[in-house]
Amino acid sequence: MNWNTLLASGEQQATQAVKVEMDKLNQALLTATSQGDKAAIERLLAEGADIDATDSRGRTSAMIAVHTAQLDIFNLLVTHGANINIRDNNLDNPLLFASAAGQLAFVKASIAAGADTTITNRFGGTALIPAADRGHVEIVKELLTTSDINIDHVNRLGWTALLEAVILGDGGKKHQEIVKLLIEHKATVNLADHDGVTPLGHAKKHGYKEMIEMLTQAGGK
């Protein structure tokens, strides 16, 4: 074995050793996050752990903080520069997951941290769409009033937030309020689905009287 081969071998071993050490630090950070151990998080980051390292589910520490409902840990990670736009294996990130799950505090924190509202979930929808179809009134209001979310974004199913609020909602008070909010914030009321059916058309099909009235008054056809 010549000197060049020996040197190359030594470099490979050193590189592997560094990788092993980094993997340990990163795993420890993910564990500390799940346990809510602020002191350990601070120490591990100071030692060089990657704040955006992911677990087997593709979750960063920031995402784990959302899953475990630890707002203080989420905010701590944000102050250390966590990338909150990274999606996990399920194509969720903090804003997308929190909006669908009804976690208003995390939605507010994500928006305040500059979350990219154009990033979509596995259905091709923005955070507004699942919030609308699941009846999360306050989250819909938050997204519409404090972020630059596209109110007329169309997902892969061909549905906007307004369409989903009608199609997947139950026609009750919460979904009525969401339809009202979307209309007030200038959603395109006649933007139809892939089959050409408008929100008003779907409201009529389901017999949602209050929605029919609101959409008709807003110019729905």
N, C-alpha and C. Protein backbone atom coordinates (compact mmCIF):
# COMPACT_ATOMS: atom_id res chain seq x y z
N MET A 1 0.86 -1.20 0.00
CA MET A 1 0.00 0.00 0.00
C MET A 1 0.90 1.24 0.00
N ASN A 2 0.68 2.17 -0.94
CA ASN A 2 1.51 3.36 -1.00
C ASN A 2 0.97 4.45 -0.07
N TRP A 3 1.77 5.56 0.02
CA TRP A 3 1.41 6.63 0.94
C TRP A 3 0.06 7.27 0.59
N ASN A 4 -0.22 7.45 -0.70
CA ASN A 4 -1.48 8.06 -1.11
C ASN A 4 -2.68 7.21 -0.67
N THR A 5 -2.49 5.88 -0.80
CA THR A 5 -3.56 4.98 -0.39
C THR A 5 -3.78 5.04 1.11
N LEU A 6 -2.66 5.08 1.86
CA LEU A 6 -2.73 5.18 3.32
C LEU A 6 -3.42 6.47 3.75
N LEU A 7 -3.04 7.58 3.08
CA LEU A 7 -3.64 8.87 3.42
C LEU A 7 -5.13 8.88 3.13
N ALA A 8 -5.50 8.32 1.96
CA ALA A 8 -6.91 8.26 1.58
C ALA A 8 -7.70 7.43 2.58
N SER A 9 -7.11 6.31 3.01
CA SER A 9 -7.76 5.43 3.96
C SER A 9 -7.97 6.14 5.29
N GLY A 10 -6.92 6.90 5.71
CA GLY A 10 -7.01 7.64 6.95
C GLY A 10 -8.08 8.72 6.90
N GLU A 11 -8.18 9.38 5.75
CA GLU A 11 -9.20 10.43 5.59
C GLU A 11 -10.61 9.84 5.63
N GLN A 12 -10.77 8.68 5.01
CA GLN A 12 -12.08 8.03 5.01
C GLN A 12 -12.49 7.63 6.43
N GLN A 13 -11.51 7.12 7.19
CA GLN A 13 -11.80 6.71 8.57
C GLN A 13 -12.17 7.93 9.42
N ALA A 14 -11.42 9.03 9.20
CA ALA A 14 -11.70 10.25 9.95
C ALA A 14 -13.08 10.79 9.61
N THR A 15 -13.40 10.76 8.31
CA THR A 15 -14.71 11.24 7.86
C THR A 15 -15.83 10.40 8.46
N GLN A 16 -15.63 9.09 8.47
CA GLN A 16 -16.64 8.19 9.04
C GLN A 16 -16.82 8.43 10.53
N ALA A 17 -15.70 8.68 11.22
CA ALA A 17 -15.76 8.94 12.66
C ALA A 17 -16.55 10.21 12.94
N VAL A 18 -16.33 11.24 12.12
CA VAL A 18 -17.04 12.51 12.28
C VAL A 18 -18.53 12.29 12.04
N LYS A 19 -18.84 11.49 11.02
CA LYS A 19 -20.25 11.22 10.70
C LYS A 19 -20.94 10.49 11.85
N VAL A 20 -20.25 9.50 12.40
CA VAL A 20 -20.81 8.75 13.52
C VAL A 20 -21.09 9.68 14.70
N GLU A 21 -20.14 10.56 14.98
CA GLU A 21 -20.31 11.49 16.10
C GLU A 21 -21.46 12.46 15.84
N MET A 22 -21.57 12.94 14.60
CA MET A 22 -22.66 13.85 14.26
C MET A 22 -24.01 13.15 14.38
N ASP A 23 -24.07 11.90 13.93
CA ASP A 23 -25.31 11.14 14.03
C ASP A 23 -25.74 10.99 15.49
N LYS A 24 -24.78 10.79 16.38
CA LYS A 24 -25.08 10.67 17.81
C LYS A 24 -25.63 11.98 18.36
N LEU A 25 -24.98 13.08 17.98
CA LEU A 25 -25.44 14.39 18.43
C LEU A 25 -26.85 14.68 17.93
N ASN A 26 -27.07 14.38 16.66
CA ASN A 26 -28.38 14.66 16.07
C ASN A 26 -29.48 13.82 16.71
N GLN A 27 -29.18 12.54 16.94
CA GLN A 27 -30.15 11.67 17.58
C GLN A 27 -30.45 12.14 18.99
N ALA A 28 -29.42 12.59 19.67
CA ALA A 28 -29.60 13.10 21.02
C ALA A 28 -30.47 14.36 21.02
N LEU A 29 -30.29 15.19 20.01
CA LEU A 29 -31.10 16.41 19.90
C LEU A 29 -32.57 16.06 19.68
N LEU A 30 -32.83 15.12 18.80
CA LEU A 30 -34.21 14.71 18.53
C LEU A 30 -34.85 14.14 19.79
N THR A 31 -34.08 13.37 20.54
CA THR A 31 -34.58 12.79 21.79
C THR A 31 -34.84 13.88 22.83
N ALA A 32 -33.90 14.81 22.96
CA ALA A 32 -34.05 15.90 23.92
C ALA A 32 -35.28 16.74 23.59
N THR A 33 -35.53 16.92 22.30
CA THR A 33 -36.70 17.69 21.88
C THR A 33 -37.98 16.97 22.28
N SER A 34 -38.05 15.69 22.00
CA SER A 34 -39.26 14.93 22.34
C SER A 34 -39.50 14.93 23.84
N GLN A 35 -38.42 15.03 24.62
CA GLN A 35 -38.53 15.04 26.08
C GLN A 35 -38.69 16.44 26.66
N GLY A 36 -38.59 17.45 25.81
CA GLY A 36 -38.74 18.83 26.27
C GLY A 36 -37.59 19.31 27.15
N ASP A 37 -36.41 18.78 26.90
CA ASP A 37 -35.24 19.11 27.72
C ASP A 37 -34.50 20.31 27.12
N LYS A 38 -34.86 21.51 27.57
CA LYS A 38 -34.29 22.73 27.01
C LYS A 38 -32.77 22.81 27.20
N ALA A 39 -32.31 22.45 28.38
CA ALA A 39 -30.88 22.53 28.67
C ALA A 39 -30.09 21.63 27.73
N ALA A 40 -30.61 20.43 27.51
CA ALA A 40 -29.92 19.50 26.61
C ALA A 40 -29.95 20.00 25.18
N ILE A 41 -31.06 20.58 24.77
CA ILE A 41 -31.16 21.13 23.42
C ILE A 41 -30.12 22.21 23.21
N GLU A 42 -30.03 23.13 24.16
CA GLU A 42 -29.05 24.22 24.08
C GLU A 42 -27.63 23.66 24.02
N ARG A 43 -27.34 22.68 24.85
CA ARG A 43 -26.00 22.10 24.91
C ARG A 43 -25.65 21.39 23.60
N LEU A 44 -26.58 20.59 23.11
CA LEU A 44 -26.32 19.81 21.89
C LEU A 44 -26.14 20.72 20.68
N LEU A 45 -26.90 21.78 20.62
CA LEU A 45 -26.74 22.73 19.51
C LEU A 45 -25.38 23.41 19.60
N ALA A 46 -24.97 23.73 20.81
CA ALA A 46 -23.66 24.36 21.01
C ALA A 46 -22.53 23.40 20.62
N GLU A 47 -22.79 22.12 20.77
CA GLU A 47 -21.78 21.11 20.43
C GLU A 47 -21.77 20.77 18.94
N GLY A 48 -22.71 21.34 18.20
CA GLY A 48 -22.69 21.16 16.75
C GLY A 48 -23.78 20.29 16.17
N ALA A 49 -24.76 19.91 16.97
CA ALA A 49 -25.87 19.11 16.43
C ALA A 49 -26.59 19.91 15.34
N ASP A 50 -27.08 19.20 14.34
CA ASP A 50 -27.80 19.83 13.23
C ASP A 50 -29.25 20.06 13.64
N ILE A 51 -29.64 21.31 13.75
CA ILE A 51 -30.98 21.64 14.22
C ILE A 51 -32.07 21.12 13.27
N ASP A 52 -31.70 20.89 12.02
CA ASP A 52 -32.67 20.42 11.02
C ASP A 52 -32.52 18.94 10.71
N ALA A 53 -31.80 18.22 11.54
CA ALA A 53 -31.69 16.77 11.36
C ALA A 53 -33.07 16.14 11.52
N THR A 54 -33.29 15.01 10.86
CA THR A 54 -34.61 14.38 10.89
C THR A 54 -34.58 12.97 11.47
N ASP A 55 -35.72 12.56 11.99
CA ASP A 55 -35.83 11.21 12.52
C ASP A 55 -36.31 10.26 11.42
N SER A 56 -36.65 9.04 11.78
CA SER A 56 -37.04 8.03 10.77
C SER A 56 -38.33 8.39 10.04
N ARG A 57 -39.09 9.32 10.61
CA ARG A 57 -40.34 9.77 9.98
C ARG A 57 -40.14 11.08 9.21
N GLY A 58 -38.89 11.48 9.12
CA GLY A 58 -38.60 12.70 8.39
C GLY A 58 -38.90 13.97 9.17
N ARG A 59 -39.12 13.86 10.46
CA ARG A 59 -39.47 15.01 11.29
C ARG A 59 -38.24 15.70 11.84
N THR A 60 -38.19 17.00 11.69
CA THR A 60 -37.14 17.78 12.33
C THR A 60 -37.52 17.96 13.80
N SER A 61 -36.59 18.54 14.58
CA SER A 61 -36.92 18.83 15.97
C SER A 61 -38.11 19.78 16.07
N ALA A 62 -38.18 20.76 15.16
CA ALA A 62 -39.30 21.70 15.17
C ALA A 62 -40.62 20.97 14.96
N MET A 63 -40.60 20.00 14.05
CA MET A 63 -41.82 19.24 13.78
C MET A 63 -42.19 18.35 14.97
N ILE A 64 -41.19 17.79 15.60
CA ILE A 64 -41.44 16.97 16.80
C ILE A 64 -42.07 17.83 17.89
N ALA A 65 -41.61 19.07 18.02
CA ALA A 65 -42.18 19.97 19.02
C ALA A 65 -43.66 20.21 18.76
N VAL A 66 -44.05 20.28 17.50
CA VAL A 66 -45.46 20.46 17.16
C VAL A 66 -46.24 19.19 17.50
N HIS A 67 -45.70 18.05 17.11
CA HIS A 67 -46.37 16.78 17.36
C HIS A 67 -46.57 16.53 18.86
N THR A 68 -45.65 17.01 19.66
CA THR A 68 -45.73 16.79 21.11
C THR A 68 -46.30 17.99 21.84
N ALA A 69 -46.82 18.96 21.09
CA ALA A 69 -47.50 20.15 21.65
C ALA A 69 -46.63 20.92 22.64
N GLN A 70 -45.36 21.12 22.26
CA GLN A 70 -44.44 21.87 23.11
C GLN A 70 -44.10 23.21 22.43
N LEU A 71 -44.96 24.20 22.66
CA LEU A 71 -44.79 25.50 22.01
C LEU A 71 -43.51 26.20 22.43
N ASP A 72 -43.15 26.08 23.71
CA ASP A 72 -41.93 26.73 24.18
C ASP A 72 -40.69 26.13 23.51
N ILE A 73 -40.71 24.83 23.29
CA ILE A 73 -39.58 24.18 22.61
C ILE A 73 -39.54 24.60 21.15
N PHE A 74 -40.71 24.68 20.52
CA PHE A 74 -40.79 25.12 19.13
C PHE A 74 -40.20 26.52 18.99
N ASN A 75 -40.61 27.42 19.87
CA ASN A 75 -40.09 28.79 19.80
C ASN A 75 -38.60 28.85 20.08
N LEU A 76 -38.12 28.00 20.98
CA LEU A 76 -36.68 27.95 21.26
C LEU A 76 -35.92 27.54 20.01
N LEU A 77 -36.41 26.54 19.32
CA LEU A 77 -35.76 26.06 18.10
C LEU A 77 -35.79 27.13 17.00
N VAL A 78 -36.90 27.85 16.93
CA VAL A 78 -37.01 28.94 15.94
C VAL A 78 -35.95 30.00 16.21
N THR A 79 -35.76 30.34 17.48
CA THR A 79 -34.76 31.36 17.82
C THR A 79 -33.34 30.90 17.47
N HIS A 80 -33.16 29.60 17.38
CA HIS A 80 -31.84 29.06 17.01
C HIS A 80 -31.73 28.82 15.50
N GLY A 81 -32.73 29.25 14.76
CA GLY A 81 -32.64 29.17 13.30
C GLY A 81 -33.19 27.93 12.65
N ALA A 82 -34.09 27.22 13.32
CA ALA A 82 -34.68 26.02 12.73
C ALA A 82 -35.42 26.37 11.44
N ASN A 83 -35.29 25.50 10.45
CA ASN A 83 -36.01 25.67 9.19
C ASN A 83 -37.39 25.04 9.35
N ILE A 84 -38.41 25.86 9.49
CA ILE A 84 -39.75 25.34 9.76
C ILE A 84 -40.51 24.97 8.48
N ASN A 85 -39.86 25.12 7.34
CA ASN A 85 -40.52 24.79 6.08
C ASN A 85 -40.24 23.36 5.61
N ILE A 86 -39.36 22.66 6.29
CA ILE A 86 -39.02 21.29 5.89
C ILE A 86 -40.21 20.36 6.12
N ARG A 87 -40.56 19.58 5.09
CA ARG A 87 -41.66 18.63 5.20
C ARG A 87 -41.17 17.25 5.62
N ASP A 88 -41.98 16.54 6.36
CA ASP A 88 -41.62 15.19 6.79
C ASP A 88 -42.02 14.17 5.73
N ASN A 89 -41.94 12.90 6.08
CA ASN A 89 -42.25 11.84 5.11
C ASN A 89 -43.71 11.85 4.66
N ASN A 90 -44.55 12.50 5.46
CA ASN A 90 -45.97 12.61 5.13
C ASN A 90 -46.28 13.92 4.40
N LEU A 91 -45.22 14.64 4.05
CA LEU A 91 -45.32 15.94 3.36
C LEU A 91 -46.02 17.00 4.21
N ASP A 92 -45.82 16.90 5.52
CA ASP A 92 -46.30 17.92 6.45
C ASP A 92 -45.12 18.70 7.01
N ASN A 93 -45.35 19.98 7.31
CA ASN A 93 -44.39 20.76 8.09
C ASN A 93 -45.18 21.41 9.22
N PRO A 94 -44.54 22.17 10.11
CA PRO A 94 -45.29 22.73 11.25
C PRO A 94 -46.56 23.47 10.88
N LEU A 95 -46.51 24.35 9.89
CA LEU A 95 -47.71 25.11 9.53
C LEU A 95 -48.79 24.21 8.95
N LEU A 96 -48.42 23.32 8.06
CA LEU A 96 -49.40 22.42 7.44
C LEU A 96 -50.04 21.50 8.49
N PHE A 97 -49.21 20.91 9.33
CA PHE A 97 -49.73 19.98 10.33
C PHE A 97 -50.61 20.70 11.35
N ALA A 98 -50.12 21.82 11.86
CA ALA A 98 -50.87 22.55 12.89
C ALA A 98 -52.20 23.07 12.35
N SER A 99 -52.22 23.50 11.10
CA SER A 99 -53.46 24.01 10.52
C SER A 99 -54.50 22.91 10.38
N ALA A 100 -54.05 21.72 10.01
CA ALA A 100 -54.97 20.59 9.86
C ALA A 100 -55.42 20.04 11.21
N ALA A 101 -54.51 20.11 12.19
CA ALA A 101 -54.79 19.51 13.49
C ALA A 101 -55.50 20.46 14.45
N GLY A 102 -55.68 21.72 14.05
CA GLY A 102 -56.37 22.67 14.91
C GLY A 102 -55.51 23.27 16.00
N GLN A 103 -54.21 23.34 15.78
CA GLN A 103 -53.28 23.87 16.78
C GLN A 103 -53.00 25.34 16.48
N LEU A 104 -53.90 26.21 16.94
CA LEU A 104 -53.82 27.63 16.62
C LEU A 104 -52.52 28.28 17.07
N ALA A 105 -52.06 27.95 18.27
CA ALA A 105 -50.85 28.57 18.79
C ALA A 105 -49.64 28.30 17.89
N PHE A 106 -49.56 27.09 17.36
CA PHE A 106 -48.45 26.74 16.47
C PHE A 106 -48.61 27.40 15.10
N VAL A 107 -49.85 27.58 14.67
CA VAL A 107 -50.09 28.31 13.42
C VAL A 107 -49.59 29.74 13.58
N LYS A 108 -49.95 30.38 14.67
CA LYS A 108 -49.52 31.75 14.93
C LYS A 108 -47.99 31.83 15.00
N ALA A 109 -47.38 30.89 15.71
CA ALA A 109 -45.93 30.89 15.86
C ALA A 109 -45.23 30.65 14.52
N SER A 110 -45.80 29.78 13.71
CA SER A 110 -45.20 29.49 12.40
C SER A 110 -45.29 30.70 11.48
N ILE A 111 -46.43 31.37 11.48
CA ILE A 111 -46.59 32.57 10.66
C ILE A 111 -45.63 33.65 11.12
N ALA A 112 -45.53 33.83 12.44
CA ALA A 112 -44.63 34.84 12.99
C ALA A 112 -43.18 34.55 12.63
N ALA A 113 -42.86 33.26 12.48
CA ALA A 113 -41.50 32.85 12.15
C ALA A 113 -41.23 32.89 10.65
N GLY A 114 -42.22 33.31 9.87
CA GLY A 114 -42.01 33.45 8.43
C GLY A 114 -42.24 32.20 7.62
N ALA A 115 -43.13 31.33 8.06
CA ALA A 115 -43.42 30.09 7.32
C ALA A 115 -43.84 30.40 5.89
N ASP A 116 -43.40 29.57 4.97
CA ASP A 116 -43.75 29.72 3.56
C ASP A 116 -45.15 29.14 3.34
N THR A 117 -46.12 30.01 3.07
CA THR A 117 -47.51 29.56 2.94
C THR A 117 -47.82 28.92 1.59
N THR A 118 -46.86 28.93 0.68
CA THR A 118 -47.09 28.32 -0.63
C THR A 118 -46.77 26.83 -0.64
N ILE A 119 -46.11 26.35 0.41
CA ILE A 119 -45.77 24.92 0.47
C ILE A 119 -47.04 24.10 0.68
N THR A 120 -47.14 23.00 -0.04
CA THR A 120 -48.37 22.21 -0.02
C THR A 120 -48.20 20.84 0.63
N ASN A 121 -49.31 20.27 1.05
CA ASN A 121 -49.32 18.95 1.67
C ASN A 121 -49.42 17.84 0.62
N ARG A 122 -49.63 16.63 1.07
CA ARG A 122 -49.62 15.49 0.15
C ARG A 122 -50.79 15.51 -0.83
N PHE A 123 -51.78 16.34 -0.55
CA PHE A 123 -52.91 16.48 -1.47
C PHE A 123 -52.76 17.70 -2.37
N GLY A 124 -51.60 18.36 -2.27
CA GLY A 124 -51.37 19.54 -3.08
C GLY A 124 -52.08 20.77 -2.56
N GLY A 125 -52.45 20.76 -1.30
CA GLY A 125 -53.17 21.89 -0.73
C GLY A 125 -52.33 22.70 0.24
N THR A 126 -52.63 23.98 0.34
CA THR A 126 -51.98 24.85 1.32
C THR A 126 -52.60 24.61 2.69
N ALA A 127 -52.05 25.26 3.70
CA ALA A 127 -52.55 25.10 5.06
C ALA A 127 -54.00 25.52 5.22
N LEU A 128 -54.45 26.46 4.40
CA LEU A 128 -55.82 26.97 4.51
C LEU A 128 -56.87 25.91 4.20
N ILE A 129 -56.57 25.04 3.26
CA ILE A 129 -57.58 24.10 2.78
C ILE A 129 -58.01 23.08 3.84
N PRO A 130 -57.09 22.35 4.49
CA PRO A 130 -57.55 21.43 5.53
C PRO A 130 -58.15 22.16 6.73
N ALA A 131 -57.66 23.35 7.02
CA ALA A 131 -58.25 24.12 8.12
C ALA A 131 -59.71 24.43 7.83
N ALA A 132 -59.98 24.74 6.56
CA ALA A 132 -61.35 25.07 6.16
C ALA A 132 -62.25 23.85 6.20
N ASP A 133 -61.77 22.72 5.69
CA ASP A 133 -62.66 21.55 5.62
C ASP A 133 -62.88 20.91 6.99
N ARG A 134 -61.94 21.15 7.93
CA ARG A 134 -62.09 20.55 9.26
C ARG A 134 -62.79 21.47 10.26
N GLY A 135 -63.18 22.64 9.80
CA GLY A 135 -63.95 23.53 10.66
C GLY A 135 -63.14 24.31 11.67
N HIS A 136 -61.86 24.53 11.40
CA HIS A 136 -61.02 25.29 12.33
C HIS A 136 -61.16 26.79 12.04
N VAL A 137 -62.22 27.37 12.57
CA VAL A 137 -62.56 28.76 12.26
C VAL A 137 -61.43 29.72 12.59
N GLU A 138 -60.90 29.64 13.80
CA GLU A 138 -59.86 30.59 14.22
C GLU A 138 -58.59 30.47 13.40
N ILE A 139 -58.28 29.28 12.97
CA ILE A 139 -57.08 29.09 12.14
C ILE A 139 -57.31 29.68 10.75
N VAL A 140 -58.48 29.46 10.20
CA VAL A 140 -58.82 30.07 8.91
C VAL A 140 -58.70 31.58 9.02
N LYS A 141 -59.25 32.14 10.10
CA LYS A 141 -59.20 33.58 10.31
C LYS A 141 -57.75 34.07 10.43
N GLU A 142 -56.96 33.32 11.17
CA GLU A 142 -55.54 33.69 11.35
C GLU A 142 -54.79 33.69 10.03
N LEU A 143 -54.98 32.66 9.25
CA LEU A 143 -54.30 32.56 7.96
C LEU A 143 -54.72 33.67 7.01
N LEU A 144 -56.00 34.00 7.03
CA LEU A 144 -56.51 35.02 6.13
C LEU A 144 -56.11 36.43 6.55
N THR A 145 -55.95 36.65 7.83
CA THR A 145 -55.69 38.01 8.31
C THR A 145 -54.23 38.32 8.60
N THR A 146 -53.42 37.31 8.83
CA THR A 146 -52.03 37.59 9.21
C THR A 146 -50.98 36.97 8.30
N SER A 147 -51.42 36.28 7.25
CA SER A 147 -50.45 35.67 6.33
C SER A 147 -50.78 36.03 4.89
N ASP A 148 -49.90 35.62 3.99
CA ASP A 148 -50.10 35.90 2.56
C ASP A 148 -50.65 34.68 1.83
N ILE A 149 -51.37 33.83 2.54
CA ILE A 149 -51.89 32.59 1.95
C ILE A 149 -52.77 32.90 0.74
N ASN A 150 -52.66 32.06 -0.29
CA ASN A 150 -53.47 32.21 -1.49
C ASN A 150 -54.85 31.62 -1.24
N ILE A 151 -55.84 32.47 -1.15
CA ILE A 151 -57.19 32.04 -0.80
C ILE A 151 -57.82 31.15 -1.87
N ASP A 152 -57.38 31.29 -3.11
CA ASP A 152 -57.96 30.53 -4.22
C ASP A 152 -57.09 29.38 -4.71
N HIS A 153 -56.11 28.98 -3.90
CA HIS A 153 -55.25 27.86 -4.30
C HIS A 153 -56.11 26.62 -4.54
N VAL A 154 -55.80 25.90 -5.62
CA VAL A 154 -56.53 24.68 -5.97
C VAL A 154 -55.64 23.46 -5.74
N ASN A 155 -56.13 22.49 -4.97
CA ASN A 155 -55.32 21.30 -4.71
C ASN A 155 -55.49 20.26 -5.82
N ARG A 156 -54.87 19.10 -5.65
CA ARG A 156 -54.90 18.09 -6.71
C ARG A 156 -56.28 17.50 -6.93
N LEU A 157 -57.16 17.67 -5.97
CA LEU A 157 -58.53 17.19 -6.13
C LEU A 157 -59.37 18.18 -6.93
N GLY A 158 -58.79 19.36 -7.17
CA GLY A 158 -59.51 20.40 -7.90
C GLY A 158 -60.34 21.29 -6.99
N TRP A 159 -60.00 21.28 -5.70
CA TRP A 159 -60.80 22.00 -4.71
C TRP A 159 -60.03 23.15 -4.07
N THR A 160 -60.73 24.26 -3.88
CA THR A 160 -60.21 25.40 -3.12
C THR A 160 -60.64 25.23 -1.67
N ALA A 161 -60.22 26.16 -0.82
CA ALA A 161 -60.66 26.13 0.57
C ALA A 161 -62.18 26.30 0.65
N LEU A 162 -62.72 27.17 -0.20
CA LEU A 162 -64.17 27.38 -0.20
C LEU A 162 -64.91 26.12 -0.62
N LEU A 163 -64.44 25.48 -1.65
CA LEU A 163 -65.07 24.23 -2.09
C LEU A 163 -65.00 23.16 -1.00
N GLU A 164 -63.85 23.04 -0.35
CA GLU A 164 -63.72 22.01 0.69
C GLU A 164 -64.61 22.31 1.89
N ALA A 165 -64.75 23.60 2.23
CA ALA A 165 -65.61 23.96 3.36
C ALA A 165 -67.05 23.53 3.11
N VAL A 166 -67.45 23.56 1.84
CA VAL A 166 -68.81 23.14 1.48
C VAL A 166 -68.89 21.63 1.31
N ILE A 167 -67.95 21.08 0.53
CA ILE A 167 -68.00 19.66 0.18
C ILE A 167 -67.73 18.75 1.37
N LEU A 168 -66.70 19.07 2.14
CA LEU A 168 -66.30 18.20 3.24
C LEU A 168 -66.81 18.66 4.60
N GLY A 169 -67.36 19.86 4.64
CA GLY A 169 -67.94 20.35 5.89
C GLY A 169 -69.30 19.70 6.14
N ASP A 170 -69.88 20.04 7.30
CA ASP A 170 -71.17 19.44 7.65
C ASP A 170 -72.32 20.43 7.51
N GLY A 171 -72.01 21.62 7.00
CA GLY A 171 -73.05 22.62 6.83
C GLY A 171 -73.42 23.34 8.11
N GLY A 172 -72.75 23.01 9.21
CA GLY A 172 -73.05 23.60 10.51
C GLY A 172 -72.44 24.97 10.72
N LYS A 173 -72.54 25.45 11.97
CA LYS A 173 -72.12 26.81 12.30
C LYS A 173 -70.66 27.09 11.97
N LYS A 174 -69.79 26.14 12.29
CA LYS A 174 -68.36 26.37 12.05
C LYS A 174 -68.05 26.52 10.56
N HIS A 175 -68.60 25.64 9.78
CA HIS A 175 -68.33 25.71 8.34
C HIS A 175 -69.06 26.89 7.70
N GLN A 176 -70.19 27.27 8.26
CA GLN A 176 -70.86 28.48 7.79
C GLN A 176 -69.98 29.70 8.03
N GLU A 177 -69.39 29.76 9.21
CA GLU A 177 -68.51 30.89 9.55
C GLU A 177 -67.28 30.92 8.64
N ILE A 178 -66.78 29.75 8.30
CA ILE A 178 -65.62 29.68 7.41
C ILE A 178 -66.00 30.15 6.01
N VAL A 179 -67.13 29.73 5.52
CA VAL A 179 -67.59 30.20 4.21
C VAL A 179 -67.74 31.72 4.23
N LYS A 180 -68.30 32.24 5.30
CA LYS A 180 -68.46 33.68 5.45
C LYS A 180 -67.11 34.39 5.42
N LEU A 181 -66.15 33.86 6.16
CA LEU A 181 -64.80 34.45 6.19
C LEU A 181 -64.15 34.44 4.81
N LEU A 182 -64.28 33.33 4.12
CA LEU A 182 -63.68 33.21 2.80
C LEU A 182 -64.31 34.19 1.82
N ILE A 183 -65.61 34.35 1.91
CA ILE A 183 -66.29 35.32 1.04
C ILE A 183 -65.84 36.73 1.38
N GLU A 184 -65.78 37.04 2.66
CA GLU A 184 -65.36 38.38 3.10
C GLU A 184 -63.94 38.71 2.65
N HIS A 185 -63.10 37.68 2.56
CA HIS A 185 -61.71 37.89 2.15
C HIS A 185 -61.52 37.68 0.65
N LYS A 186 -62.62 37.77 -0.08
CA LYS A 186 -62.60 37.82 -1.54
C LYS A 186 -62.23 36.52 -2.24
N ALA A 187 -62.64 35.41 -1.67
CA ALA A 187 -62.47 34.15 -2.39
C ALA A 187 -63.31 34.21 -3.66
N THR A 188 -62.82 33.59 -4.72
CA THR A 188 -63.55 33.56 -5.98
C THR A 188 -64.69 32.56 -5.85
N VAL A 189 -65.91 33.07 -5.66
CA VAL A 189 -67.04 32.20 -5.31
C VAL A 189 -67.48 31.28 -6.44
N ASN A 190 -67.14 31.63 -7.67
CA ASN A 190 -67.55 30.79 -8.80
C ASN A 190 -66.43 29.93 -9.37
N LEU A 191 -65.34 29.80 -8.60
CA LEU A 191 -64.25 28.93 -9.03
C LEU A 191 -64.71 27.48 -8.83
N ALA A 192 -64.96 26.79 -9.92
CA ALA A 192 -65.55 25.45 -9.87
C ALA A 192 -64.50 24.35 -9.71
N ASP A 193 -64.96 23.16 -9.39
CA ASP A 193 -64.07 22.01 -9.28
C ASP A 193 -63.78 21.43 -10.66
N HIS A 194 -63.07 20.32 -10.71
CA HIS A 194 -62.70 19.72 -11.99
C HIS A 194 -63.91 19.29 -12.82
N ASP A 195 -65.05 19.11 -12.16
CA ASP A 195 -66.26 18.70 -12.87
C ASP A 195 -67.14 19.89 -13.24
N GLY A 196 -66.64 21.10 -12.95
CA GLY A 196 -67.39 22.29 -13.29
C GLY A 196 -68.46 22.68 -12.28
N VAL A 197 -68.45 22.05 -11.10
CA VAL A 197 -69.44 22.35 -10.08
C VAL A 197 -68.90 23.44 -9.14
N THR A 198 -69.65 24.50 -8.97
CA THR A 198 -69.23 25.62 -8.14
C THR A 198 -69.55 25.35 -6.66
N PRO A 199 -69.02 26.19 -5.76
CA PRO A 199 -69.38 26.06 -4.34
C PRO A 199 -70.89 26.12 -4.13
N LEU A 200 -71.57 27.04 -4.84
CA LEU A 200 -73.02 27.13 -4.71
C LEU A 200 -73.69 25.84 -5.18
N GLY A 201 -73.19 25.28 -6.26
CA GLY A 201 -73.74 24.02 -6.76
C GLY A 201 -73.64 22.91 -5.74
N HIS A 202 -72.48 22.84 -5.06
CA HIS A 202 -72.31 21.82 -4.04
C HIS A 202 -73.20 22.10 -2.83
N ALA A 203 -73.34 23.38 -2.46
CA ALA A 203 -74.18 23.74 -1.32
C ALA A 203 -75.63 23.35 -1.60
N LYS A 204 -76.08 23.55 -2.83
CA LYS A 204 -77.44 23.17 -3.20
C LYS A 204 -77.61 21.65 -3.16
N LYS A 205 -76.58 20.94 -3.62
CA LYS A 205 -76.64 19.47 -3.65
C LYS A 205 -76.79 18.91 -2.23
N HIS A 206 -76.12 19.58 -1.27
CA HIS A 206 -76.17 19.11 0.12
C HIS A 206 -77.35 19.71 0.90
N GLY A 207 -78.00 20.72 0.30
CA GLY A 207 -79.12 21.35 0.99
C GLY A 207 -78.71 22.25 2.14
N TYR A 208 -77.53 22.87 2.01
CA TYR A 208 -77.03 23.75 3.05
C TYR A 208 -77.61 25.17 2.86
N LYS A 209 -78.75 25.40 3.45
CA LYS A 209 -79.51 26.64 3.24
C LYS A 209 -78.69 27.90 3.50
N GLU A 210 -78.05 27.94 4.66
CA GLU A 210 -77.30 29.16 5.03
C GLU A 210 -76.17 29.43 4.06
N MET A 211 -75.47 28.39 3.64
CA MET A 211 -74.39 28.56 2.67
C MET A 211 -74.93 29.00 1.32
N ILE A 212 -76.06 28.44 0.94
CA ILE A 212 -76.69 28.82 -0.33
C ILE A 212 -76.99 30.31 -0.33
N GLU A 213 -77.52 30.80 0.78
CA GLU A 213 -77.86 32.23 0.88
C GLU A 213 -76.60 33.10 0.80
N MET A 214 -75.57 32.72 1.54
CA MET A 214 -74.34 33.50 1.54
C MET A 214 -73.69 33.54 0.16
N LEU A 215 -73.60 32.39 -0.45
CA LEU A 215 -72.95 32.30 -1.76
C LEU A 215 -73.77 33.01 -2.84
N THR A 216 -75.07 32.93 -2.76
CA THR A 216 -75.92 33.62 -3.72
C THR A 216 -75.77 35.13 -3.60
N GLN A 217 -75.76 35.61 -2.36
CA GLN A 217 -75.58 37.04 -2.11
C GLN A 217 -74.21 37.54 -2.59
N ALA A 218 -73.24 36.63 -2.59
CA ALA A 218 -71.87 37.00 -3.01
C ALA A 218 -71.69 36.87 -4.52
N GLY A 219 -72.77 36.53 -5.22
CA GLY A 219 -72.67 36.42 -6.68
C GLY A 219 -72.46 35.02 -7.18
N GLY A 220 -72.64 34.05 -6.31
CA GLY A 220 -72.45 32.66 -6.71
C GLY A 220 -73.47 32.21 -7.74
N LYS A 221 -73.01 31.29 -8.59
CA LYS A 221 -73.89 30.77 -9.65
C LYS A 221 -73.84 29.26 -9.67
